[in-house]
Amino acid sequence: MSKLNDLLMRSISGLLFVGLVTASIFMGRWYFATLFLVITLYACYEFRKMLTHLSIRLCTPTLLISAGLLFISGFLHTEYNILWGYVLTMLSVFAISIVELYRKRLHAIHNVGLAIFALYYIAVPFTMLLYFPCIRTAWTGSWKPLTVFLPFVVVWLNDTFAYLCGMTFGRHKLFERLSPKKTWEGAIGGGIIAILGGVAIAWFFAPDNILNIAIISLLVVVFGTLGDLFESMVKRTIEIKDSGHFMPGHGGILDRMDSLLFAIPAVFIYLILVYLVFE
């Protein structure tokens, strides 16, 4: 009964989160940006809290201000073609080092380095999402929800069917040192279904872009899996099971978003190469 209740709670919380993200994407850039600004700040705070298990205490105000400014700068650039926000962001990142001079904390170098890493690991990928709909239109343009929605759908399909395929057919461990429950059978099965799902979306909504969307789906599957494994490595290093308790049955927000944090930069670079470098 306990396992059934856990599964039910996991399913409900997962569906609510999927529904919230989906709604924000299709309601428009302002709704999406508002939700993901909150997610970015909370994920950075969660990362900071994880590090306390290693007696590393990042300066919360400077971390959250820098992360918030970075994301807002991306929004201002894509929505209004305003670039000065990035100047403030650079100054706030510089302030992380200055503030550390006066905190008199142990592991000062670790604090600075890991705070800046948190920005690259969490805030940069979420900011990149804002650019997906407008890379072909000189950074500014109308909101194209399907462009933003695609990586989420592929990740959700991959995670769901990797779990189901692994539970049904799994025999060979994918990366036992970091994630003992993941199998090659699950990874391959989930990846194939996720790519087919991406192609199906292209077939109905963007038939002229099937090849690009298939490649993007493949990138999401490969780098999403690596992102998942990376977060597992972080948690094993810290010796914790979950990054937090944000979602019942799922753990923290980083547990839910870890795949996207590696997949988004890979897709961003691909879009830049296809539409701005080689077009």
C-alpha atoms as a PDB file:
ATOM      1  CA  MET A   1       0.000   0.000   0.000  1.00  0.00           C
ATOM      2  CA  SER A   2       2.856   2.363   0.812  1.00  0.00           C
ATOM      3  CA  LYS A   3       4.451   1.837  -2.616  1.00  0.00           C
ATOM      4  CA  LEU A   4       1.082   2.408  -4.281  1.00  0.00           C
ATOM      5  CA  ASN A   5       0.598   5.659  -2.357  1.00  0.00           C
ATOM      6  CA  ASP A   6       4.109   6.792  -3.265  1.00  0.00           C
ATOM      7  CA  LEU A   7       3.472   6.026  -6.945  1.00  0.00           C
ATOM      8  CA  LEU A   8       0.161   7.884  -6.828  1.00  0.00           C
ATOM      9  CA  MET A   9       1.742  10.908  -5.160  1.00  0.00           C
ATOM     10  CA  ARG A  10       4.617  10.865  -7.657  1.00  0.00           C
ATOM     11  CA  SER A  11       2.195  10.700 -10.595  1.00  0.00           C
ATOM     12  CA  ILE A  12      -0.020  13.522  -9.323  1.00  0.00           C
ATOM     13  CA  SER A  13       2.852  15.886  -8.502  1.00  0.00           C
ATOM     14  CA  GLY A  14       4.549  15.075 -11.821  1.00  0.00           C
ATOM     15  CA  LEU A  15       1.387  15.757 -13.831  1.00  0.00           C
ATOM     16  CA  LEU A  16       0.769  19.016 -11.982  1.00  0.00           C
ATOM     17  CA  PHE A  17       4.296  20.183 -12.727  1.00  0.00           C
ATOM     18  CA  VAL A  18       4.038  19.168 -16.391  1.00  0.00           C
ATOM     19  CA  GLY A  19       0.705  20.986 -16.634  1.00  0.00           C
ATOM     20  CA  LEU A  20       2.109  24.140 -15.039  1.00  0.00           C
ATOM     21  CA  VAL A  21       5.145  24.266 -17.341  1.00  0.00           C
ATOM     22  CA  THR A  22       3.034  23.485 -20.431  1.00  0.00           C
ATOM     23  CA  ALA A  23       0.487  26.164 -19.561  1.00  0.00           C
ATOM     24  CA  SER A  24       3.197  28.792 -19.046  1.00  0.00           C
ATOM     25  CA  ILE A  25       4.754  27.989 -22.438  1.00  0.00           C
ATOM     26  CA  PHE A  26       1.518  28.267 -24.404  1.00  0.00           C
ATOM     27  CA  MET A  27       0.197  31.298 -22.509  1.00  0.00           C
ATOM     28  CA  GLY A  28       3.133  33.397 -23.679  1.00  0.00           C
ATOM     29  CA  ARG A  29       6.644  34.648 -22.999  1.00  0.00           C
ATOM     30  CA  TRP A  30       5.699  36.718 -19.929  1.00  0.00           C
ATOM     31  CA  TYR A  31       4.061  33.754 -18.188  1.00  0.00           C
ATOM     32  CA  PHE A  32       6.922  31.436 -19.105  1.00  0.00           C
ATOM     33  CA  ALA A  33       9.564  33.956 -18.015  1.00  0.00           C
ATOM     34  CA  THR A  34       7.822  34.558 -14.689  1.00  0.00           C
ATOM     35  CA  LEU A  35       7.607  30.840 -13.897  1.00  0.00           C
ATOM     36  CA  PHE A  36      11.174  30.106 -14.931  1.00  0.00           C
ATOM     37  CA  LEU A  37      12.586  33.085 -13.090  1.00  0.00           C
ATOM     38  CA  VAL A  38      11.109  31.531  -9.942  1.00  0.00           C
ATOM     39  CA  ILE A  39      12.404  28.076 -10.926  1.00  0.00           C
ATOM     40  CA  THR A  40      15.881  29.477 -11.641  1.00  0.00           C
ATOM     41  CA  LEU A  41      16.095  31.215  -8.272  1.00  0.00           C
ATOM     42  CA  TYR A  42      14.756  28.219  -6.378  1.00  0.00           C
ATOM     43  CA  ALA A  43      17.109  25.814  -8.188  1.00  0.00           C
ATOM     44  CA  CYS A  44      20.096  28.015  -7.302  1.00  0.00           C
ATOM     45  CA  TYR A  45      18.946  28.167  -3.686  1.00  0.00           C
ATOM     46  CA  GLU A  46      18.515  24.385  -3.683  1.00  0.00           C
ATOM     47  CA  PHE A  47      22.043  23.940  -5.073  1.00  0.00           C
ATOM     48  CA  ARG A  48      23.364  26.253  -2.379  1.00  0.00           C
ATOM     49  CA  LYS A  49      21.539  24.225   0.282  1.00  0.00           C
ATOM     50  CA  MET A  50      22.964  20.956  -1.065  1.00  0.00           C
ATOM     51  CA  LEU A  51      26.492  22.270  -0.637  1.00  0.00           C
ATOM     52  CA  THR A  52      25.990  22.889   3.079  1.00  0.00           C
ATOM     53  CA  HIS A  53      26.378  19.116   3.494  1.00  0.00           C
ATOM     54  CA  LEU A  54      30.029  19.699   2.508  1.00  0.00           C
ATOM     55  CA  SER A  55      30.323  22.663   4.897  1.00  0.00           C
ATOM     56  CA  ILE A  56      30.361  24.992   1.873  1.00  0.00           C
ATOM     57  CA  ARG A  57      28.064  27.979   2.338  1.00  0.00           C
ATOM     58  CA  LEU A  58      27.586  30.197  -0.682  1.00  0.00           C
ATOM     59  CA  CYS A  59      26.459  33.790  -0.202  1.00  0.00           C
ATOM     60  CA  THR A  60      22.738  33.471  -0.927  1.00  0.00           C
ATOM     61  CA  PRO A  61      21.976  37.137  -1.795  1.00  0.00           C
ATOM     62  CA  THR A  62      24.784  37.536  -4.352  1.00  0.00           C
ATOM     63  CA  LEU A  63      24.033  34.154  -5.922  1.00  0.00           C
ATOM     64  CA  LEU A  64      20.301  34.810  -6.293  1.00  0.00           C
ATOM     65  CA  ILE A  65      20.767  38.416  -7.453  1.00  0.00           C
ATOM     66  CA  SER A  66      23.245  37.308 -10.141  1.00  0.00           C
ATOM     67  CA  ALA A  67      21.011  34.439 -11.277  1.00  0.00           C
ATOM     68  CA  GLY A  68      17.953  36.689 -11.359  1.00  0.00           C
ATOM     69  CA  LEU A  69      19.743  39.445 -13.258  1.00  0.00           C
ATOM     70  CA  LEU A  70      21.056  36.958 -15.811  1.00  0.00           C
ATOM     71  CA  PHE A  71      17.607  35.547 -16.523  1.00  0.00           C
ATOM     72  CA  ILE A  72      15.945  38.980 -16.602  1.00  0.00           C
ATOM     73  CA  SER A  73      18.685  40.202 -18.967  1.00  0.00           C
ATOM     74  CA  GLY A  74      17.830  37.397 -21.356  1.00  0.00           C
ATOM     75  CA  PHE A  75      14.157  38.354 -21.176  1.00  0.00           C
ATOM     76  CA  LEU A  76      14.875  42.052 -21.816  1.00  0.00           C
ATOM     77  CA  HIS A  77      17.082  41.157 -24.778  1.00  0.00           C
ATOM     78  CA  THR A  78      14.629  38.776 -26.429  1.00  0.00           C
ATOM     79  CA  GLU A  79      11.524  40.844 -25.686  1.00  0.00           C
ATOM     80  CA  TYR A  80      12.767  44.428 -26.118  1.00  0.00           C
ATOM     81  CA  ASN A  81      16.276  44.105 -27.630  1.00  0.00           C
ATOM     82  CA  ILE A  82      17.736  45.701 -24.476  1.00  0.00           C
ATOM     83  CA  LEU A  83      21.287  44.585 -23.712  1.00  0.00           C
ATOM     84  CA  TRP A  84      22.327  46.706 -20.715  1.00  0.00           C
ATOM     85  CA  GLY A  85      20.979  44.094 -18.292  1.00  0.00           C
ATOM     86  CA  TYR A  86      23.967  41.911 -19.104  1.00  0.00           C
ATOM     87  CA  VAL A  87      26.296  44.670 -17.889  1.00  0.00           C
ATOM     88  CA  LEU A  88      24.590  44.586 -14.489  1.00  0.00           C
ATOM     89  CA  THR A  89      24.838  40.802 -14.530  1.00  0.00           C
ATOM     90  CA  MET A  90      28.600  40.925 -15.093  1.00  0.00           C
ATOM     91  CA  LEU A  91      28.980  43.414 -12.256  1.00  0.00           C
ATOM     92  CA  SER A  92      26.933  41.223  -9.928  1.00  0.00           C
ATOM     93  CA  VAL A  93      29.084  38.194 -10.758  1.00  0.00           C
ATOM     94  CA  PHE A  94      32.186  40.279 -10.019  1.00  0.00           C
ATOM     95  CA  ALA A  95      30.549  41.246  -6.714  1.00  0.00           C
ATOM     96  CA  ILE A  96      30.456  37.557  -5.699  1.00  0.00           C
ATOM     97  CA  SER A  97      34.246  37.648  -5.333  1.00  0.00           C
ATOM     98  CA  ILE A  98      34.296  41.008  -3.539  1.00  0.00           C
ATOM     99  CA  VAL A  99      31.614  40.042  -1.010  1.00  0.00           C
ATOM    100  CA  GLU A 100      33.557  36.881  -0.193  1.00  0.00           C
ATOM    101  CA  LEU A 101      36.428  39.052   1.067  1.00  0.00           C
ATOM    102  CA  TYR A 102      34.232  40.231   3.937  1.00  0.00           C
ATOM    103  CA  ARG A 103      32.364  37.021   4.794  1.00  0.00           C
ATOM    104  CA  LYS A 104      35.345  35.431   6.573  1.00  0.00           C
ATOM    105  CA  ARG A 105      34.131  31.945   5.708  1.00  0.00           C
ATOM    106  CA  LEU A 106      36.052  28.736   5.329  1.00  0.00           C
ATOM    107  CA  HIS A 107      36.491  27.490   1.752  1.00  0.00           C
ATOM    108  CA  ALA A 108      36.330  31.034   0.315  1.00  0.00           C
ATOM    109  CA  ILE A 109      37.708  29.950  -3.065  1.00  0.00           C
ATOM    110  CA  HIS A 110      35.224  27.082  -3.179  1.00  0.00           C
ATOM    111  CA  ASN A 111      32.412  29.523  -2.386  1.00  0.00           C
ATOM    112  CA  VAL A 112      33.325  31.823  -5.269  1.00  0.00           C
ATOM    113  CA  GLY A 113      33.964  29.023  -7.748  1.00  0.00           C
ATOM    114  CA  LEU A 114      30.818  27.076  -6.946  1.00  0.00           C
ATOM    115  CA  ALA A 115      28.636  30.203  -6.975  1.00  0.00           C
ATOM    116  CA  ILE A 116      29.848  31.028 -10.493  1.00  0.00           C
ATOM    117  CA  PHE A 117      29.444  27.362 -11.468  1.00  0.00           C
ATOM    118  CA  ALA A 118      25.835  27.478 -10.224  1.00  0.00           C
ATOM    119  CA  LEU A 119      25.155  30.355 -12.608  1.00  0.00           C
ATOM    120  CA  TYR A 120      26.556  28.434 -15.576  1.00  0.00           C
ATOM    121  CA  TYR A 121      24.940  25.158 -14.539  1.00  0.00           C
ATOM    122  CA  ILE A 122      21.457  26.493 -13.747  1.00  0.00           C
ATOM    123  CA  ALA A 123      20.810  30.116 -14.755  1.00  0.00           C
ATOM    124  CA  VAL A 124      22.528  30.060 -18.155  1.00  0.00           C
ATOM    125  CA  PRO A 125      20.543  27.076 -19.572  1.00  0.00           C
ATOM    126  CA  PHE A 126      17.197  28.487 -18.416  1.00  0.00           C
ATOM    127  CA  THR A 127      18.123  31.872 -19.924  1.00  0.00           C
ATOM    128  CA  MET A 128      19.010  30.166 -23.214  1.00  0.00           C
ATOM    129  CA  LEU A 129      15.449  28.855 -23.424  1.00  0.00           C
ATOM    130  CA  LEU A 130      14.223  32.414 -23.942  1.00  0.00           C
ATOM    131  CA  TYR A 131      16.282  32.622 -27.132  1.00  0.00           C
ATOM    132  CA  PHE A 132      14.941  29.460 -28.776  1.00  0.00           C
ATOM    133  CA  PRO A 133      11.993  31.129 -30.582  1.00  0.00           C
ATOM    134  CA  CYS A 134      13.970  34.070 -31.958  1.00  0.00           C
ATOM    135  CA  ILE A 135      17.415  32.851 -33.034  1.00  0.00           C
ATOM    136  CA  ARG A 136      16.392  33.260 -36.697  1.00  0.00           C
ATOM    137  CA  THR A 137      15.021  36.782 -36.199  1.00  0.00           C
ATOM    138  CA  ALA A 138      18.033  38.717 -34.870  1.00  0.00           C
ATOM    139  CA  TRP A 139      17.253  37.801 -31.258  1.00  0.00           C
ATOM    140  CA  THR A 140      13.833  39.433 -31.082  1.00  0.00           C
ATOM    141  CA  GLY A 141      10.577  38.141 -32.468  1.00  0.00           C
ATOM    142  CA  SER A 142       7.235  36.587 -31.734  1.00  0.00           C
ATOM    143  CA  TRP A 143       6.845  33.849 -29.151  1.00  0.00           C
ATOM    144  CA  LYS A 144       6.843  30.365 -30.720  1.00  0.00           C
ATOM    145  CA  PRO A 145       5.685  27.974 -27.992  1.00  0.00           C
ATOM    146  CA  LEU A 146       6.398  24.737 -29.868  1.00  0.00           C
ATOM    147  CA  THR A 147      10.076  25.679 -30.206  1.00  0.00           C
ATOM    148  CA  VAL A 148      10.351  25.971 -26.425  1.00  0.00           C
ATOM    149  CA  PHE A 149       8.022  23.051 -25.713  1.00  0.00           C
ATOM    150  CA  LEU A 150       9.941  20.484 -27.787  1.00  0.00           C
ATOM    151  CA  PRO A 151      12.887  19.888 -25.371  1.00  0.00           C
ATOM    152  CA  PHE A 152      10.470  19.452 -22.469  1.00  0.00           C
ATOM    153  CA  VAL A 153       8.354  16.903 -24.327  1.00  0.00           C
ATOM    154  CA  VAL A 154      11.395  14.898 -25.403  1.00  0.00           C
ATOM    155  CA  VAL A 155      12.845  14.909 -21.864  1.00  0.00           C
ATOM    156  CA  TRP A 156       9.514  13.889 -20.331  1.00  0.00           C
ATOM    157  CA  LEU A 157       9.069  11.064 -22.846  1.00  0.00           C
ATOM    158  CA  ASN A 158      12.652   9.927 -22.386  1.00  0.00           C
ATOM    159  CA  ASP A 159      12.451   9.912 -18.580  1.00  0.00           C
ATOM    160  CA  THR A 160       9.080   8.147 -18.496  1.00  0.00           C
ATOM    161  CA  PHE A 161       9.813   5.419 -21.015  1.00  0.00           C
ATOM    162  CA  ALA A 162      13.409   4.903 -19.865  1.00  0.00           C
ATOM    163  CA  TYR A 163      11.936   4.091 -16.462  1.00  0.00           C
ATOM    164  CA  LEU A 164       9.245   1.790 -17.911  1.00  0.00           C
ATOM    165  CA  CYS A 165      11.582   0.042 -20.376  1.00  0.00           C
ATOM    166  CA  GLY A 166      14.261  -0.337 -17.741  1.00  0.00           C
ATOM    167  CA  MET A 167      11.798  -1.783 -15.251  1.00  0.00           C
ATOM    168  CA  THR A 168      10.469  -4.252 -17.858  1.00  0.00           C
ATOM    169  CA  PHE A 169      13.542  -5.206 -19.894  1.00  0.00           C
ATOM    170  CA  GLY A 170      16.513  -3.830 -17.958  1.00  0.00           C
ATOM    171  CA  ARG A 171      19.438  -6.223 -17.582  1.00  0.00           C
ATOM    172  CA  HIS A 172      22.630  -4.299 -18.285  1.00  0.00           C
ATOM    173  CA  LYS A 173      23.626  -1.374 -16.069  1.00  0.00           C
ATOM    174  CA  LEU A 174      24.151   1.956 -17.832  1.00  0.00           C
ATOM    175  CA  PHE A 175      26.370   3.641 -15.216  1.00  0.00           C
ATOM    176  CA  GLU A 176      26.244   1.574 -12.055  1.00  0.00           C
ATOM    177  CA  ARG A 177      28.740   3.718 -10.143  1.00  0.00           C
ATOM    178  CA  LEU A 178      26.448   6.747 -10.301  1.00  0.00           C
ATOM    179  CA  SER A 179      22.956   5.411 -10.913  1.00  0.00           C
ATOM    180  CA  PRO A 180      22.544   1.701 -10.152  1.00  0.00           C
ATOM    181  CA  LYS A 181      18.918   1.531 -11.324  1.00  0.00           C
ATOM    182  CA  LYS A 182      19.496   2.871 -14.851  1.00  0.00           C
ATOM    183  CA  THR A 183      20.018   0.304 -17.615  1.00  0.00           C
ATOM    184  CA  TRP A 184      21.053   0.351 -21.261  1.00  0.00           C
ATOM    185  CA  GLU A 185      17.734  -1.195 -22.211  1.00  0.00           C
ATOM    186  CA  GLY A 186      15.878   1.610 -20.468  1.00  0.00           C
ATOM    187  CA  ALA A 187      18.089   4.327 -21.966  1.00  0.00           C
ATOM    188  CA  ILE A 188      17.773   2.966 -25.517  1.00  0.00           C
ATOM    189  CA  GLY A 189      14.036   2.268 -25.247  1.00  0.00           C
ATOM    190  CA  GLY A 190      13.280   5.662 -23.731  1.00  0.00           C
ATOM    191  CA  GLY A 191      15.524   7.407 -26.254  1.00  0.00           C
ATOM    192  CA  ILE A 192      13.875   5.792 -29.272  1.00  0.00           C
ATOM    193  CA  ILE A 193      10.363   6.635 -28.072  1.00  0.00           C
ATOM    194  CA  ALA A 194      11.404  10.197 -27.196  1.00  0.00           C
ATOM    195  CA  ILE A 195      12.922  10.776 -30.655  1.00  0.00           C
ATOM    196  CA  LEU A 196       9.838   9.314 -32.326  1.00  0.00           C
ATOM    197  CA  GLY A 197       7.728  11.642 -30.192  1.00  0.00           C
ATOM    198  CA  GLY A 198       9.765  14.629 -31.397  1.00  0.00           C
ATOM    199  CA  VAL A 199       9.392  13.502 -35.017  1.00  0.00           C
ATOM    200  CA  ALA A 200       5.634  13.083 -34.512  1.00  0.00           C
ATOM    201  CA  ILE A 201       5.390  16.688 -33.318  1.00  0.00           C
ATOM    202  CA  ALA A 202       7.334  17.804 -36.395  1.00  0.00           C
ATOM    203  CA  TRP A 203       5.116  15.715 -38.674  1.00  0.00           C
ATOM    204  CA  PHE A 204       1.972  17.508 -37.483  1.00  0.00           C
ATOM    205  CA  PHE A 205       3.224  21.021 -36.758  1.00  0.00           C
ATOM    206  CA  ALA A 206       6.481  21.570 -38.700  1.00  0.00           C
ATOM    207  CA  PRO A 207       6.733  19.070 -41.576  1.00  0.00           C
ATOM    208  CA  ASP A 208       9.477  21.124 -43.267  1.00  0.00           C
ATOM    209  CA  ASN A 209      11.713  20.740 -40.205  1.00  0.00           C
ATOM    210  CA  ILE A 210      11.491  17.006 -39.511  1.00  0.00           C
ATOM    211  CA  LEU A 211      15.239  16.402 -39.906  1.00  0.00           C
ATOM    212  CA  ASN A 212      16.212  19.313 -37.639  1.00  0.00           C
ATOM    213  CA  ILE A 213      13.690  18.280 -34.997  1.00  0.00           C
ATOM    214  CA  ALA A 214      14.888  14.662 -35.146  1.00  0.00           C
ATOM    215  CA  ILE A 215      18.471  15.860 -34.573  1.00  0.00           C
ATOM    216  CA  ILE A 216      17.343  18.151 -31.745  1.00  0.00           C
ATOM    217  CA  SER A 217      15.438  15.249 -30.166  1.00  0.00           C
ATOM    218  CA  LEU A 218      18.558  13.075 -30.382  1.00  0.00           C
ATOM    219  CA  LEU A 219      20.633  15.823 -28.740  1.00  0.00           C
ATOM    220  CA  VAL A 220      18.075  16.147 -25.951  1.00  0.00           C
ATOM    221  CA  VAL A 221      18.124  12.388 -25.330  1.00  0.00           C
ATOM    222  CA  VAL A 222      21.925  12.094 -25.272  1.00  0.00           C
ATOM    223  CA  PHE A 223      22.734  15.247 -23.314  1.00  0.00           C
ATOM    224  CA  GLY A 224      19.670  14.865 -21.118  1.00  0.00           C
ATOM    225  CA  THR A 225      20.939  11.464 -20.015  1.00  0.00           C
ATOM    226  CA  LEU A 226      24.375  12.956 -19.325  1.00  0.00           C
ATOM    227  CA  GLY A 227      22.748  15.745 -17.313  1.00  0.00           C
ATOM    228  CA  ASP A 228      20.875  13.198 -15.243  1.00  0.00           C
ATOM    229  CA  LEU A 229      24.071  11.268 -14.585  1.00  0.00           C
ATOM    230  CA  PHE A 230      25.953  14.453 -13.698  1.00  0.00           C
ATOM    231  CA  GLU A 231      23.428  15.375 -11.037  1.00  0.00           C
ATOM    232  CA  SER A 232      23.650  11.818  -9.694  1.00  0.00           C
ATOM    233  CA  MET A 233      27.412  12.303  -9.424  1.00  0.00           C
ATOM    234  CA  VAL A 234      26.897  15.558  -7.510  1.00  0.00           C
ATOM    235  CA  LYS A 235      24.472  13.917  -5.081  1.00  0.00           C
ATOM    236  CA  ARG A 236      26.754  10.926  -4.543  1.00  0.00           C
ATOM    237  CA  THR A 237      29.664  13.255  -3.865  1.00  0.00           C
ATOM    238  CA  ILE A 238      27.576  15.113  -1.301  1.00  0.00           C
ATOM    239  CA  GLU A 239      26.047  11.825  -0.070  1.00  0.00           C
ATOM    240  CA  ILE A 240      22.396  12.789  -0.342  1.00  0.00           C
ATOM    241  CA  LYS A 241      19.486  11.015  -2.034  1.00  0.00           C
ATOM    242  CA  ASP A 242      17.569  14.012  -3.422  1.00  0.00           C
ATOM    243  CA  SER A 243      18.485  17.602  -4.162  1.00  0.00           C
ATOM    244  CA  GLY A 244      15.506  18.772  -2.090  1.00  0.00           C
ATOM    245  CA  HIS A 245      11.847  18.200  -1.317  1.00  0.00           C
ATOM    246  CA  PHE A 246      10.192  20.477  -3.852  1.00  0.00           C
ATOM    247  CA  MET A 247       7.997  17.780  -5.424  1.00  0.00           C
ATOM    248  CA  PRO A 248       6.548  14.801  -3.523  1.00  0.00           C
ATOM    249  CA  GLY A 249       7.924  11.603  -5.010  1.00  0.00           C
ATOM    250  CA  HIS A 250      10.408  13.418  -7.258  1.00  0.00           C
ATOM    251  CA  GLY A 251      12.748  15.177  -4.842  1.00  0.00           C
ATOM    252  CA  GLY A 252      13.984  18.674  -5.589  1.00  0.00           C
ATOM    253  CA  ILE A 253      13.618  20.953  -8.575  1.00  0.00           C
ATOM    254  CA  LEU A 254      17.118  19.968  -9.718  1.00  0.00           C
ATOM    255  CA  ASP A 255      16.075  16.314  -9.669  1.00  0.00           C
ATOM    256  CA  ARG A 256      13.242  17.244 -12.007  1.00  0.00           C
ATOM    257  CA  MET A 257      15.256  19.560 -14.266  1.00  0.00           C
ATOM    258  CA  ASP A 258      18.697  17.917 -14.338  1.00  0.00           C
ATOM    259  CA  SER A 259      18.274  16.502 -17.859  1.00  0.00           C
ATOM    260  CA  LEU A 260      17.287  19.878 -19.301  1.00  0.00           C
ATOM    261  CA  LEU A 261      20.293  21.642 -17.794  1.00  0.00           C
ATOM    262  CA  PHE A 262      22.594  19.756 -20.180  1.00  0.00           C
ATOM    263  CA  ALA A 263      20.140  19.348 -23.070  1.00  0.00           C
ATOM    264  CA  ILE A 264      19.256  23.042 -23.466  1.00  0.00           C
ATOM    265  CA  PRO A 265      22.848  24.266 -24.145  1.00  0.00           C
ATOM    266  CA  ALA A 266      23.368  21.439 -26.660  1.00  0.00           C
ATOM    267  CA  VAL A 267      20.208  22.415 -28.560  1.00  0.00           C
ATOM    268  CA  PHE A 268      21.078  26.119 -28.312  1.00  0.00           C
ATOM    269  CA  ILE A 269      24.490  25.548 -29.894  1.00  0.00           C
ATOM    270  CA  TYR A 270      22.902  23.409 -32.630  1.00  0.00           C
ATOM    271  CA  LEU A 271      20.352  26.135 -33.433  1.00  0.00           C
ATOM    272  CA  ILE A 272      23.102  28.770 -33.564  1.00  0.00           C
ATOM    273  CA  LEU A 273      25.160  26.635 -35.951  1.00  0.00           C
ATOM    274  CA  VAL A 274      22.228  25.773 -38.219  1.00  0.00           C
ATOM    275  CA  TYR A 275      20.526  29.154 -38.427  1.00  0.00           C
ATOM    276  CA  LEU A 276      23.321  31.682 -37.899  1.00  0.00           C
ATOM    277  CA  VAL A 277      26.603  30.059 -38.950  1.00  0.00           C
ATOM    278  CA  PHE A 278      25.810  27.697 -41.832  1.00  0.00           C
ATOM    279  CA  GLU A 279      22.542  29.128 -43.135  1.00  0.00           C
END
